[in-house]
Structures are given as C-alpha cells and as structure tokens.
Amino acid sequence: MRASDANPTVYDFTAALYEWTGPAAWHFVTVPVAISDEIDARTHGLTNGFGSVRVRVRVGGSEWATSLFPDSKQQAYVLPMKKAVRQAEGLTAGDDVRVRLELIELS
C-alpha cells in the first residue's frame, strides 16, 4: 500500500467499490488513509478545485485520467469509478478493486 520503489508517484492498493448514497448513482473506491496522507503531503498547495488531485488510473485492462477528491468524513481521497470502466471490468458495488494510481505532475 505504498508508493512503488521504481516511481514514488505510483500507488497500488485494493479497496471495495461502493455506491454513493445520494441523488446520483456515483460509484467510488476509497484510497487507503496511509496513501491518502502521502498524496496529500506530496500535493499540498498544488491541488485543483475542491482539493482534487489529477491522477492516471489502471483497473484491470482499463486506464484513464481522472481526479481524486478529498472526503472529510473518511479523511481520505475517493476515486470515482465511471460506468464504462465498471462495465468493462465487470465490477459492481461491494467488489474488491485492484487499483494502480499515478499522480499527474502538477505545475
């Protein structure tokens, strides 16, 4: 659950997919707290709107660019999982998802 030795901006972890309980059917994976803390330290003062952090993500055979968003209740970042990826990878709420995150350099 730490940054890869070869590239300190790459993180691998497994977490449960869940559906947000709100008016829209958004699905997320929570980035583990230790990784979230490290990402927060690396990006402090460099985040985008709403404290978001740009990342490149790989789940199974799917790869895309998106943003992580801070969740104050969980004190961790959350990763939105788009419907096209969930369908392509056969994922539903409650499934464990193996995630590879790469921070996109901020200027």
Protein backbone atom coordinates (compact mmCIF):
# COMPACT_ATOMS: atom_id res chain seq x y z
CA MET A 1 0.00 0.00 0.00
CA ARG A 2 2.91 2.39 -0.51
CA ALA A 3 4.42 4.18 -3.43
CA SER A 4 6.26 1.94 -5.84
CA ASP A 5 10.05 1.90 -5.34
CA ALA A 6 10.61 2.48 -9.07
CA ASN A 7 8.32 5.53 -9.21
CA PRO A 8 7.36 7.26 -5.95
CA THR A 9 4.23 8.74 -7.53
CA VAL A 10 2.66 5.33 -8.29
CA TYR A 11 0.47 3.58 -5.73
CA ASP A 12 -1.10 0.11 -5.80
CA PHE A 13 -3.94 -0.92 -3.48
CA THR A 14 -7.14 -2.94 -3.25
CA ALA A 15 -10.35 -1.43 -1.90
CA ALA A 16 -14.09 -2.07 -2.04
CA LEU A 17 -16.24 -0.39 -4.69
CA TYR A 18 -19.27 1.35 -3.24
CA GLU A 19 -22.22 3.36 -4.50
CA TRP A 20 -22.60 6.86 -3.10
CA THR A 21 -25.87 7.26 -1.23
CA GLY A 22 -27.17 10.39 -2.89
CA PRO A 23 -29.36 11.56 -5.75
CA ALA A 24 -26.98 10.23 -8.44
CA ALA A 25 -25.57 6.74 -8.97
CA TRP A 26 -21.88 7.60 -8.49
CA HIS A 27 -19.51 4.77 -7.56
CA PHE A 28 -16.23 5.25 -5.70
CA VAL A 29 -13.24 3.46 -4.24
CA THR A 30 -11.65 4.97 -1.12
CA VAL A 31 -7.88 5.40 -1.28
CA PRO A 32 -6.38 3.93 1.92
CA VAL A 33 -5.67 6.54 4.61
CA ALA A 34 -1.88 5.98 4.59
CA ILE A 35 -1.73 6.52 0.81
CA SER A 36 -4.15 9.47 1.03
CA ASP A 37 -1.91 11.07 3.67
CA GLU A 38 1.16 10.61 1.46
CA ILE A 39 -0.62 12.03 -1.60
CA ASP A 40 -1.84 14.98 0.48
CA ALA A 41 1.72 15.67 1.67
CA ARG A 42 3.11 15.45 -1.90
CA THR A 43 0.43 17.73 -3.36
CA HIS A 44 -0.03 20.22 -0.51
CA GLY A 45 -0.72 23.63 -2.02
CA LEU A 46 -0.83 22.20 -5.56
CA THR A 47 -4.36 20.80 -5.70
CA ASN A 48 -7.08 21.84 -8.14
CA GLY A 49 -10.67 22.88 -7.39
CA PHE A 50 -12.29 21.26 -4.33
CA GLY A 51 -8.84 19.95 -3.30
CA SER A 52 -8.82 17.48 -6.19
CA VAL A 53 -5.65 15.77 -7.38
CA ARG A 54 -5.15 14.70 -11.01
CA VAL A 55 -4.26 11.02 -11.47
CA ARG A 56 -3.90 8.34 -14.12
CA VAL A 57 -5.64 5.11 -13.09
CA ARG A 58 -5.44 1.47 -14.14
CA VAL A 59 -8.02 -1.11 -13.09
CA GLY A 60 -7.70 -4.42 -14.92
CA GLY A 61 -7.36 -3.62 -18.62
CA SER A 62 -8.89 -0.14 -18.27
CA GLU A 63 -6.79 3.00 -17.99
CA TRP A 64 -7.98 6.61 -17.74
CA ALA A 65 -7.21 10.05 -16.31
CA THR A 66 -9.42 11.50 -13.58
CA SER A 67 -9.18 13.25 -10.23
CA LEU A 68 -9.17 12.09 -6.63
CA PHE A 69 -11.39 14.08 -4.29
CA PRO A 70 -10.90 14.57 -0.56
CA ASP A 71 -13.63 13.09 1.64
CA SER A 72 -13.59 14.77 5.05
CA LYS A 73 -15.78 12.06 6.63
CA GLN A 74 -13.33 9.30 5.69
CA GLN A 75 -10.27 11.56 5.98
CA ALA A 76 -9.06 10.04 2.71
CA TYR A 77 -9.30 10.61 -1.02
CA VAL A 78 -12.00 8.92 -3.07
CA LEU A 79 -11.64 7.73 -6.64
CA PRO A 80 -14.72 7.97 -8.89
CA MET A 81 -15.24 4.81 -10.94
CA LYS A 82 -17.01 5.60 -14.19
CA LYS A 83 -19.73 3.36 -15.52
CA ALA A 84 -17.78 2.43 -18.67
CA VAL A 85 -14.90 1.10 -16.53
CA ARG A 86 -17.22 -0.76 -14.14
CA GLN A 87 -18.94 -2.41 -17.10
CA ALA A 88 -15.69 -3.22 -18.95
CA GLU A 89 -14.19 -4.81 -15.82
CA GLY A 90 -17.42 -6.48 -14.62
CA LEU A 91 -17.44 -4.59 -11.31
CA THR A 92 -20.41 -4.00 -9.03
CA ALA A 93 -20.77 -2.36 -5.62
CA GLY A 94 -19.14 -4.48 -2.94
CA ASP A 95 -16.42 -5.90 -5.23
CA ASP A 96 -12.78 -5.53 -4.23
CA VAL A 97 -10.96 -3.49 -6.86
CA ARG A 98 -7.21 -3.64 -7.53
CA VAL A 99 -6.15 -0.07 -8.36
CA ARG A 100 -2.93 1.44 -9.70
CA LEU A 101 -2.77 5.23 -9.29
CA GLU A 102 -0.18 7.55 -10.76
CA LEU A 103 -0.05 11.19 -9.77
CA ILE A 104 -0.10 13.52 -12.75
CA GLU A 105 2.54 16.18 -12.29
CA LEU A 106 1.14 19.47 -11.07
CA SER A 107 2.66 22.77 -12.06
